[in-house]
Amino acid sequence: MALVYLERAERANARAPITELTVHRLVSTALVLAIKFHDDIYFNNDDYANMVGVTLEELNEAEKQLLKVLDWRLLVCAEEFDATLQMLL
């Protein structure tokens, strides 16, 4: 799911491509969003921030920005998930 979010974000925001300088925060944020959207039980952002080595403020801001870029569309249909999985294989 996180990879789908990253693909969507890259398509929606071509001015800010994924680079070696941004990939850690982007992947971490996409993972947090995927966990929070799809799981009933999850940690708070302070715990996630500690796990990935960023401040709570950085994670909160990154989450807010990624949600904005994704236009709050976090639902991933089966077809899009399968297409992303096939791309990985």
PDB file of N, CA and C in Angstrom:
ATOM      1  N   MET A   1       0.818  -1.186   0.000  1.00  0.00           N
ATOM      2  CA  MET A   1       0.000   0.000   0.000  1.00  0.00           C
ATOM      3  C   MET A   1       0.869   1.259   0.000  1.00  0.00           C
ATOM      4  N   ALA A   2       1.927   1.221   0.794  1.00  0.00           N
ATOM      5  CA  ALA A   2       2.812   2.381   0.863  1.00  0.00           C
ATOM      6  C   ALA A   2       3.441   2.670  -0.502  1.00  0.00           C
ATOM      7  N   LEU A   3       3.794   1.622  -1.222  1.00  0.00           N
ATOM      8  CA  LEU A   3       4.380   1.830  -2.548  1.00  0.00           C
ATOM      9  C   LEU A   3       3.365   2.462  -3.497  1.00  0.00           C
ATOM     10  N   VAL A   4       2.117   2.060  -3.400  1.00  0.00           N
ATOM     11  CA  VAL A   4       1.070   2.692  -4.213  1.00  0.00           C
ATOM     12  C   VAL A   4       0.990   4.175  -3.881  1.00  0.00           C
ATOM     13  N   TYR A   5       1.049   4.512  -2.595  1.00  0.00           N
ATOM     14  CA  TYR A   5       1.009   5.919  -2.204  1.00  0.00           C
ATOM     15  C   TYR A   5       2.189   6.688  -2.788  1.00  0.00           C
ATOM     16  N   LEU A   6       3.366   6.080  -2.757  1.00  0.00           N
ATOM     17  CA  LEU A   6       4.549   6.746  -3.315  1.00  0.00           C
ATOM     18  C   LEU A   6       4.416   6.949  -4.818  1.00  0.00           C
ATOM     19  N   GLU A   7       3.889   5.949  -5.507  1.00  0.00           N
ATOM     20  CA  GLU A   7       3.667   6.084  -6.954  1.00  0.00           C
ATOM     21  C   GLU A   7       2.685   7.213  -7.244  1.00  0.00           C
ATOM     22  N   ARG A   8       1.609   7.240  -6.495  1.00  0.00           N
ATOM     23  CA  ARG A   8       0.609   8.305  -6.673  1.00  0.00           C
ATOM     24  C   ARG A   8       1.219   9.675  -6.399  1.00  0.00           C
ATOM     25  N   ALA A   9       1.991   9.772  -5.331  1.00  0.00           N
ATOM     26  CA  ALA A   9       2.591  11.057  -4.974  1.00  0.00           C
ATOM     27  C   ALA A   9       3.551  11.529  -6.049  1.00  0.00           C
ATOM     28  N   GLU A  10       4.331  10.605  -6.589  1.00  0.00           N
ATOM     29  CA  GLU A  10       5.276  11.001  -7.633  1.00  0.00           C
ATOM     30  C   GLU A  10       4.542  11.478  -8.880  1.00  0.00           C
ATOM     31  N   ARG A  11       3.455  10.798  -9.246  1.00  0.00           N
ATOM     32  CA  ARG A  11       2.666  11.232 -10.410  1.00  0.00           C
ATOM     33  C   ARG A  11       2.004  12.587 -10.166  1.00  0.00           C
ATOM     34  N   ALA A  12       1.531  12.812  -8.940  1.00  0.00           N
ATOM     35  CA  ALA A  12       0.802  14.039  -8.626  1.00  0.00           C
ATOM     36  C   ALA A  12       1.711  15.235  -8.401  1.00  0.00           C
ATOM     37  N   ASN A  13       2.958  14.986  -8.031  1.00  0.00           N
ATOM     38  CA  ASN A  13       3.845  16.068  -7.641  1.00  0.00           C
ATOM     39  C   ASN A  13       5.193  15.923  -8.345  1.00  0.00           C
ATOM     40  N   ALA A  14       5.189  16.040  -9.662  1.00  0.00           N
ATOM     41  CA  ALA A  14       6.404  15.836 -10.452  1.00  0.00           C
ATOM     42  C   ALA A  14       7.489  16.861 -10.125  1.00  0.00           C
ATOM     43  N   ARG A  15       7.117  17.985  -9.519  1.00  0.00           N
ATOM     44  CA  ARG A  15       8.112  19.013  -9.178  1.00  0.00           C
ATOM     45  C   ARG A  15       8.982  18.594  -8.003  1.00  0.00           C
ATOM     46  N   ALA A  16       8.537  17.609  -7.239  1.00  0.00           N
ATOM     47  CA  ALA A  16       9.303  17.156  -6.070  1.00  0.00           C
ATOM     48  C   ALA A  16       9.556  15.649  -6.203  1.00  0.00           C
ATOM     49  N   PRO A  17      10.462  15.272  -7.084  1.00  0.00           N
ATOM     50  CA  PRO A  17      10.699  13.842  -7.311  1.00  0.00           C
ATOM     51  C   PRO A  17      11.340  13.166  -6.103  1.00  0.00           C
ATOM     52  N   ILE A  18      11.192  11.860  -6.051  1.00  0.00           N
ATOM     53  CA  ILE A  18      11.814  11.079  -4.993  1.00  0.00           C
ATOM     54  C   ILE A  18      13.303  10.977  -5.283  1.00  0.00           C
ATOM     55  N   THR A  19      14.122  11.383  -4.318  1.00  0.00           N
ATOM     56  CA  THR A  19      15.579  11.344  -4.473  1.00  0.00           C
ATOM     57  C   THR A  19      16.180  10.628  -3.274  1.00  0.00           C
ATOM     58  N   GLU A  20      17.490  10.438  -3.294  1.00  0.00           N
ATOM     59  CA  GLU A  20      18.164   9.800  -2.158  1.00  0.00           C
ATOM     60  C   GLU A  20      18.092  10.667  -0.898  1.00  0.00           C
ATOM     61  N   LEU A  21      17.790  11.940  -1.066  1.00  0.00           N
ATOM     62  CA  LEU A  21      17.671  12.837   0.085  1.00  0.00           C
ATOM     63  C   LEU A  21      16.276  12.826   0.702  1.00  0.00           C
ATOM     64  N   THR A  22      15.274  12.416  -0.064  1.00  0.00           N
ATOM     65  CA  THR A  22      13.895  12.449   0.430  1.00  0.00           C
ATOM     66  C   THR A  22      13.284  11.066   0.638  1.00  0.00           C
ATOM     67  N   VAL A  23      13.908  10.039   0.131  1.00  0.00           N
ATOM     68  CA  VAL A  23      13.282   8.720   0.119  1.00  0.00           C
ATOM     69  C   VAL A  23      13.000   8.185   1.517  1.00  0.00           C
ATOM     70  N   HIS A  24      13.898   8.391   2.475  1.00  0.00           N
ATOM     71  CA  HIS A  24      13.695   7.864   3.833  1.00  0.00           C
ATOM     72  C   HIS A  24      12.417   8.418   4.455  1.00  0.00           C
ATOM     73  N   ARG A  25      12.250   9.718   4.397  1.00  0.00           N
ATOM     74  CA  ARG A  25      11.059  10.328   4.995  1.00  0.00           C
ATOM     75  C   ARG A  25       9.801   9.981   4.220  1.00  0.00           C
ATOM     76  N   LEU A  26       9.895   9.926   2.907  1.00  0.00           N
ATOM     77  CA  LEU A  26       8.725   9.583   2.105  1.00  0.00           C
ATOM     78  C   LEU A  26       8.265   8.149   2.356  1.00  0.00           C
ATOM     79  N   VAL A  27       9.197   7.221   2.372  1.00  0.00           N
ATOM     80  CA  VAL A  27       8.839   5.822   2.610  1.00  0.00           C
ATOM     81  C   VAL A  27       8.278   5.665   4.023  1.00  0.00           C
ATOM     82  N   SER A  28       8.937   6.281   4.992  1.00  0.00           N
ATOM     83  CA  SER A  28       8.463   6.206   6.377  1.00  0.00           C
ATOM     84  C   SER A  28       7.054   6.763   6.506  1.00  0.00           C
ATOM     85  N   THR A  29       6.817   7.887   5.889  1.00  0.00           N
ATOM     86  CA  THR A  29       5.503   8.518   5.970  1.00  0.00           C
ATOM     87  C   THR A  29       4.451   7.680   5.257  1.00  0.00           C
ATOM     88  N   ALA A  30       4.784   7.157   4.090  1.00  0.00           N
ATOM     89  CA  ALA A  30       3.843   6.307   3.367  1.00  0.00           C
ATOM     90  C   ALA A  30       3.511   5.052   4.172  1.00  0.00           C
ATOM     91  N   LEU A  31       4.503   4.476   4.833  1.00  0.00           N
ATOM     92  CA  LEU A  31       4.256   3.303   5.672  1.00  0.00           C
ATOM     93  C   LEU A  31       3.339   3.645   6.842  1.00  0.00           C
ATOM     94  N   VAL A  32       3.577   4.763   7.484  1.00  0.00           N
ATOM     95  CA  VAL A  32       2.734   5.182   8.601  1.00  0.00           C
ATOM     96  C   VAL A  32       1.294   5.383   8.131  1.00  0.00           C
ATOM     97  N   LEU A  33       1.115   6.053   7.008  1.00  0.00           N
ATOM     98  CA  LEU A  33      -0.235   6.262   6.488  1.00  0.00           C
ATOM     99  C   LEU A  33      -0.915   4.938   6.155  1.00  0.00           C
ATOM    100  N   ALA A  34      -0.191   4.023   5.539  1.00  0.00           N
ATOM    101  CA  ALA A  34      -0.761   2.724   5.193  1.00  0.00           C
ATOM    102  C   ALA A  34      -1.176   1.959   6.448  1.00  0.00           C
ATOM    103  N   ILE A  35      -0.314   1.974   7.443  1.00  0.00           N
ATOM    104  CA  ILE A  35      -0.631   1.285   8.703  1.00  0.00           C
ATOM    105  C   ILE A  35      -1.866   1.905   9.347  1.00  0.00           C
ATOM    106  N   LYS A  36      -1.883   3.215   9.452  1.00  0.00           N
ATOM    107  CA  LYS A  36      -2.982   3.883  10.135  1.00  0.00           C
ATOM    108  C   LYS A  36      -4.301   3.743   9.381  1.00  0.00           C
ATOM    109  N   PHE A  37      -4.243   3.687   8.057  1.00  0.00           N
ATOM    110  CA  PHE A  37      -5.472   3.573   7.263  1.00  0.00           C
ATOM    111  C   PHE A  37      -6.020   2.154   7.272  1.00  0.00           C
ATOM    112  N   HIS A  38      -5.140   1.152   7.276  1.00  0.00           N
ATOM    113  CA  HIS A  38      -5.590  -0.221   7.091  1.00  0.00           C
ATOM    114  C   HIS A  38      -5.661  -1.058   8.360  1.00  0.00           C
ATOM    115  N   ASP A  39      -5.026  -0.645   9.427  1.00  0.00           N
ATOM    116  CA  ASP A  39      -5.026  -1.420  10.663  1.00  0.00           C
ATOM    117  C   ASP A  39      -5.896  -0.750  11.718  1.00  0.00           C
ATOM    118  N   ASP A  40      -6.556  -1.567  12.508  1.00  0.00           N
ATOM    119  CA  ASP A  40      -7.385  -1.031  13.584  1.00  0.00           C
ATOM    120  C   ASP A  40      -6.553  -0.604  14.782  1.00  0.00           C
ATOM    121  N   ILE A  41      -5.414  -1.244  14.972  1.00  0.00           N
ATOM    122  CA  ILE A  41      -4.558  -0.940  16.108  1.00  0.00           C
ATOM    123  C   ILE A  41      -3.212  -0.474  15.579  1.00  0.00           C
ATOM    124  N   TYR A  42      -2.772   0.697  16.019  1.00  0.00           N
ATOM    125  CA  TYR A  42      -1.483   1.229  15.582  1.00  0.00           C
ATOM    126  C   TYR A  42      -0.907   2.106  16.680  1.00  0.00           C
ATOM    127  N   PHE A  43       0.372   2.424  16.555  1.00  0.00           N
ATOM    128  CA  PHE A  43       1.062   3.273  17.521  1.00  0.00           C
ATOM    129  C   PHE A  43       0.718   4.737  17.263  1.00  0.00           C
ATOM    130  N   ASN A  44       1.131   5.606  18.164  1.00  0.00           N
ATOM    131  CA  ASN A  44       0.957   7.038  17.912  1.00  0.00           C
ATOM    132  C   ASN A  44       2.163   7.549  17.114  1.00  0.00           C
ATOM    133  N   ASN A  45       2.045   8.754  16.587  1.00  0.00           N
ATOM    134  CA  ASN A  45       3.102   9.288  15.728  1.00  0.00           C
ATOM    135  C   ASN A  45       4.435   9.479  16.451  1.00  0.00           C
ATOM    136  N   ASP A  46       4.393   9.724  17.744  1.00  0.00           N
ATOM    137  CA  ASP A  46       5.639   9.870  18.491  1.00  0.00           C
ATOM    138  C   ASP A  46       6.433   8.568  18.458  1.00  0.00           C
ATOM    139  N   ASP A  47       5.738   7.446  18.603  1.00  0.00           N
ATOM    140  CA  ASP A  47       6.417   6.147  18.529  1.00  0.00           C
ATOM    141  C   ASP A  47       6.987   5.901  17.132  1.00  0.00           C
ATOM    142  N   TYR A  48       6.193   6.182  16.099  1.00  0.00           N
ATOM    143  CA  TYR A  48       6.687   5.995  14.729  1.00  0.00           C
ATOM    144  C   TYR A  48       7.875   6.903  14.445  1.00  0.00           C
ATOM    145  N   ALA A  49       7.815   8.134  14.909  1.00  0.00           N
ATOM    146  CA  ALA A  49       8.922   9.065  14.691  1.00  0.00           C
ATOM    147  C   ALA A  49      10.200   8.528  15.321  1.00  0.00           C
ATOM    148  N   ASN A  50      10.098   8.006  16.530  1.00  0.00           N
ATOM    149  CA  ASN A  50      11.265   7.415  17.190  1.00  0.00           C
ATOM    150  C   ASN A  50      11.789   6.213  16.429  1.00  0.00           C
ATOM    151  N   MET A  51      10.885   5.395  15.884  1.00  0.00           N
ATOM    152  CA  MET A  51      11.289   4.192  15.147  1.00  0.00           C
ATOM    153  C   MET A  51      12.077   4.521  13.885  1.00  0.00           C
ATOM    154  N   VAL A  52      11.686   5.589  13.201  1.00  0.00           N
ATOM    155  CA  VAL A  52      12.324   5.901  11.919  1.00  0.00           C
ATOM    156  C   VAL A  52      13.387   6.987  12.027  1.00  0.00           C
ATOM    157  N   GLY A  53      13.564   7.550  13.214  1.00  0.00           N
ATOM    158  CA  GLY A  53      14.653   8.495  13.420  1.00  0.00           C
ATOM    159  C   GLY A  53      14.392   9.908  12.964  1.00  0.00           C
ATOM    160  N   VAL A  54      13.150  10.354  13.076  1.00  0.00           N
ATOM    161  CA  VAL A  54      12.816  11.749  12.778  1.00  0.00           C
ATOM    162  C   VAL A  54      12.098  12.321  13.992  1.00  0.00           C
ATOM    163  N   THR A  55      11.955  13.632  14.025  1.00  0.00           N
ATOM    164  CA  THR A  55      11.214  14.234  15.129  1.00  0.00           C
ATOM    165  C   THR A  55       9.716  14.069  14.882  1.00  0.00           C
ATOM    166  N   LEU A  56       8.957  14.195  15.955  1.00  0.00           N
ATOM    167  CA  LEU A  56       7.501  14.129  15.843  1.00  0.00           C
ATOM    168  C   LEU A  56       6.995  15.212  14.905  1.00  0.00           C
ATOM    169  N   GLU A  57       7.563  16.400  15.017  1.00  0.00           N
ATOM    170  CA  GLU A  57       7.134  17.509  14.160  1.00  0.00           C
ATOM    171  C   GLU A  57       7.402  17.209  12.688  1.00  0.00           C
ATOM    172  N   GLU A  58       8.570  16.619  12.400  1.00  0.00           N
ATOM    173  CA  GLU A  58       8.899  16.273  11.009  1.00  0.00           C
ATOM    174  C   GLU A  58       7.917  15.238  10.465  1.00  0.00           C
ATOM    175  N   LEU A  59       7.619  14.219  11.261  1.00  0.00           N
ATOM    176  CA  LEU A  59       6.686  13.188  10.795  1.00  0.00           C
ATOM    177  C   LEU A  59       5.288  13.763  10.609  1.00  0.00           C
ATOM    178  N   ASN A  60       4.837  14.564  11.556  1.00  0.00           N
ATOM    179  CA  ASN A  60       3.507  15.179  11.427  1.00  0.00           C
ATOM    180  C   ASN A  60       3.414  16.027  10.164  1.00  0.00           C
ATOM    181  N   GLU A  61       4.447  16.826   9.909  1.00  0.00           N
ATOM    182  CA  GLU A  61       4.442  17.675   8.714  1.00  0.00           C
ATOM    183  C   GLU A  61       4.491  16.834   7.441  1.00  0.00           C
ATOM    184  N   ALA A  62       5.322  15.806   7.438  1.00  0.00           N
ATOM    185  CA  ALA A  62       5.428  14.935   6.262  1.00  0.00           C
ATOM    186  C   ALA A  62       4.107  14.225   6.004  1.00  0.00           C
ATOM    187  N   GLU A  63       3.457  13.784   7.074  1.00  0.00           N
ATOM    188  CA  GLU A  63       2.163  13.114   6.930  1.00  0.00           C
ATOM    189  C   GLU A  63       1.127  14.077   6.353  1.00  0.00           C
ATOM    190  N   LYS A  64       1.106  15.289   6.878  1.00  0.00           N
ATOM    191  CA  LYS A  64       0.171  16.304   6.388  1.00  0.00           C
ATOM    192  C   LYS A  64       0.407  16.600   4.909  1.00  0.00           C
ATOM    193  N   GLN A  65       1.674  16.757   4.526  1.00  0.00           N
ATOM    194  CA  GLN A  65       2.000  17.067   3.133  1.00  0.00           C
ATOM    195  C   GLN A  65       1.662  15.905   2.194  1.00  0.00           C
ATOM    196  N   LEU A  66       1.972  14.684   2.626  1.00  0.00           N
ATOM    197  CA  LEU A  66       1.672  13.536   1.766  1.00  0.00           C
ATOM    198  C   LEU A  66       0.168  13.356   1.607  1.00  0.00           C
ATOM    199  N   LEU A  67      -0.581  13.536   2.674  1.00  0.00           N
ATOM    200  CA  LEU A  67      -2.040  13.466   2.564  1.00  0.00           C
ATOM    201  C   LEU A  67      -2.568  14.516   1.590  1.00  0.00           C
ATOM    202  N   LYS A  68      -1.997  15.700   1.640  1.00  0.00           N
ATOM    203  CA  LYS A  68      -2.416  16.773   0.730  1.00  0.00           C
ATOM    204  C   LYS A  68      -2.110  16.401  -0.720  1.00  0.00           C
ATOM    205  N   VAL A  69      -0.900  15.890  -0.964  1.00  0.00           N
ATOM    206  CA  VAL A  69      -0.511  15.485  -2.324  1.00  0.00           C
ATOM    207  C   VAL A  69      -1.413  14.354  -2.825  1.00  0.00           C
ATOM    208  N   LEU A  70      -1.755  13.433  -1.925  1.00  0.00           N
ATOM    209  CA  LEU A  70      -2.611  12.307  -2.304  1.00  0.00           C
ATOM    210  C   LEU A  70      -4.088  12.690  -2.344  1.00  0.00           C
ATOM    211  N   ASP A  71      -4.394  13.930  -2.022  1.00  0.00           N
ATOM    212  CA  ASP A  71      -5.774  14.413  -1.973  1.00  0.00           C
ATOM    213  C   ASP A  71      -6.617  13.541  -1.035  1.00  0.00           C
ATOM    214  N   TRP A  72      -5.983  13.065   0.037  1.00  0.00           N
ATOM    215  CA  TRP A  72      -6.606  12.230   1.071  1.00  0.00           C
ATOM    216  C   TRP A  72      -7.141  10.914   0.515  1.00  0.00           C
ATOM    217  N   ARG A  73      -6.704  10.503  -0.670  1.00  0.00           N
ATOM    218  CA  ARG A  73      -7.161   9.238  -1.273  1.00  0.00           C
ATOM    219  C   ARG A  73      -6.216   8.117  -0.843  1.00  0.00           C
ATOM    220  N   LEU A  74      -6.588   7.399   0.206  1.00  0.00           N
ATOM    221  CA  LEU A  74      -5.742   6.330   0.714  1.00  0.00           C
ATOM    222  C   LEU A  74      -6.271   4.944   0.372  1.00  0.00           C
ATOM    223  N   LEU A  75      -7.501   4.862  -0.092  1.00  0.00           N
ATOM    224  CA  LEU A  75      -8.049   3.567  -0.472  1.00  0.00           C
ATOM    225  C   LEU A  75      -7.359   3.082  -1.742  1.00  0.00           C
ATOM    226  N   VAL A  76      -6.911   1.834  -1.723  1.00  0.00           N
ATOM    227  CA  VAL A  76      -6.240   1.230  -2.876  1.00  0.00           C
ATOM    228  C   VAL A  76      -7.103   0.071  -3.353  1.00  0.00           C
ATOM    229  N   CYS A  77      -7.585   0.164  -4.594  1.00  0.00           N
ATOM    230  CA  CYS A  77      -8.419  -0.917  -5.119  1.00  0.00           C
ATOM    231  C   CYS A  77      -7.536  -2.126  -5.462  1.00  0.00           C
ATOM    232  N   ALA A  78      -8.171  -3.265  -5.586  1.00  0.00           N
ATOM    233  CA  ALA A  78      -7.449  -4.510  -5.851  1.00  0.00           C
ATOM    234  C   ALA A  78      -6.654  -4.440  -7.155  1.00  0.00           C
ATOM    235  N   GLU A  79      -7.215  -3.818  -8.173  1.00  0.00           N
ATOM    236  CA  GLU A  79      -6.536  -3.733  -9.455  1.00  0.00           C
ATOM    237  C   GLU A  79      -5.249  -2.911  -9.362  1.00  0.00           C
ATOM    238  N   GLU A  80      -5.308  -1.790  -8.653  1.00  0.00           N
ATOM    239  CA  GLU A  80      -4.117  -0.956  -8.506  1.00  0.00           C
ATOM    240  C   GLU A  80      -3.053  -1.670  -7.661  1.00  0.00           C
ATOM    241  N   PHE A  81      -3.500  -2.360  -6.610  1.00  0.00           N
ATOM    242  CA  PHE A  81      -2.567  -3.128  -5.789  1.00  0.00           C
ATOM    243  C   PHE A  81      -1.902  -4.226  -6.618  1.00  0.00           C
ATOM    244  N   ASP A  82      -2.696  -4.954  -7.394  1.00  0.00           N
ATOM    245  CA  ASP A  82      -2.141  -6.025  -8.244  1.00  0.00           C
ATOM    246  C   ASP A  82      -1.166  -5.487  -9.280  1.00  0.00           C
ATOM    247  N   ALA A  83      -1.487  -4.359  -9.877  1.00  0.00           N
ATOM    248  CA  ALA A  83      -0.593  -3.746 -10.877  1.00  0.00           C
ATOM    249  C   ALA A  83       0.732  -3.360 -10.235  1.00  0.00           C
ATOM    250  N   THR A  84       0.676  -2.817  -9.039  1.00  0.00           N
ATOM    251  CA  THR A  84       1.902  -2.438  -8.326  1.00  0.00           C
ATOM    252  C   THR A  84       2.703  -3.680  -7.948  1.00  0.00           C
ATOM    253  N   LEU A  85       2.024  -4.719  -7.513  1.00  0.00           N
ATOM    254  CA  LEU A  85       2.692  -5.972  -7.179  1.00  0.00           C
ATOM    255  C   LEU A  85       3.369  -6.569  -8.411  1.00  0.00           C
ATOM    256  N   GLN A  86       2.707  -6.546  -9.538  1.00  0.00           N
ATOM    257  CA  GLN A  86       3.290  -7.057 -10.787  1.00  0.00           C
ATOM    258  C   GLN A  86       4.516  -6.245 -11.200  1.00  0.00           C
ATOM    259  N   MET A  87       4.463  -4.954 -10.980  1.00  0.00           N
ATOM    260  CA  MET A  87       5.598  -4.098 -11.291  1.00  0.00           C
ATOM    261  C   MET A  87       6.819  -4.515 -10.452  1.00  0.00           C
ATOM    262  N   LEU A  88       6.582  -4.885  -9.197  1.00  0.00           N
ATOM    263  CA  LEU A  88       7.671  -5.315  -8.326  1.00  0.00           C
ATOM    264  C   LEU A  88       8.253  -6.649  -8.759  1.00  0.00           C
ATOM    265  N   LEU A  89       7.391  -7.522  -9.229  1.00  0.00           N
ATOM    266  CA  LEU A  89       7.852  -8.851  -9.634  1.00  0.00           C
ATOM    267  C   LEU A  89       8.574  -8.782 -10.948  1.00  0.00           C
TER     268      LEU A  89
END
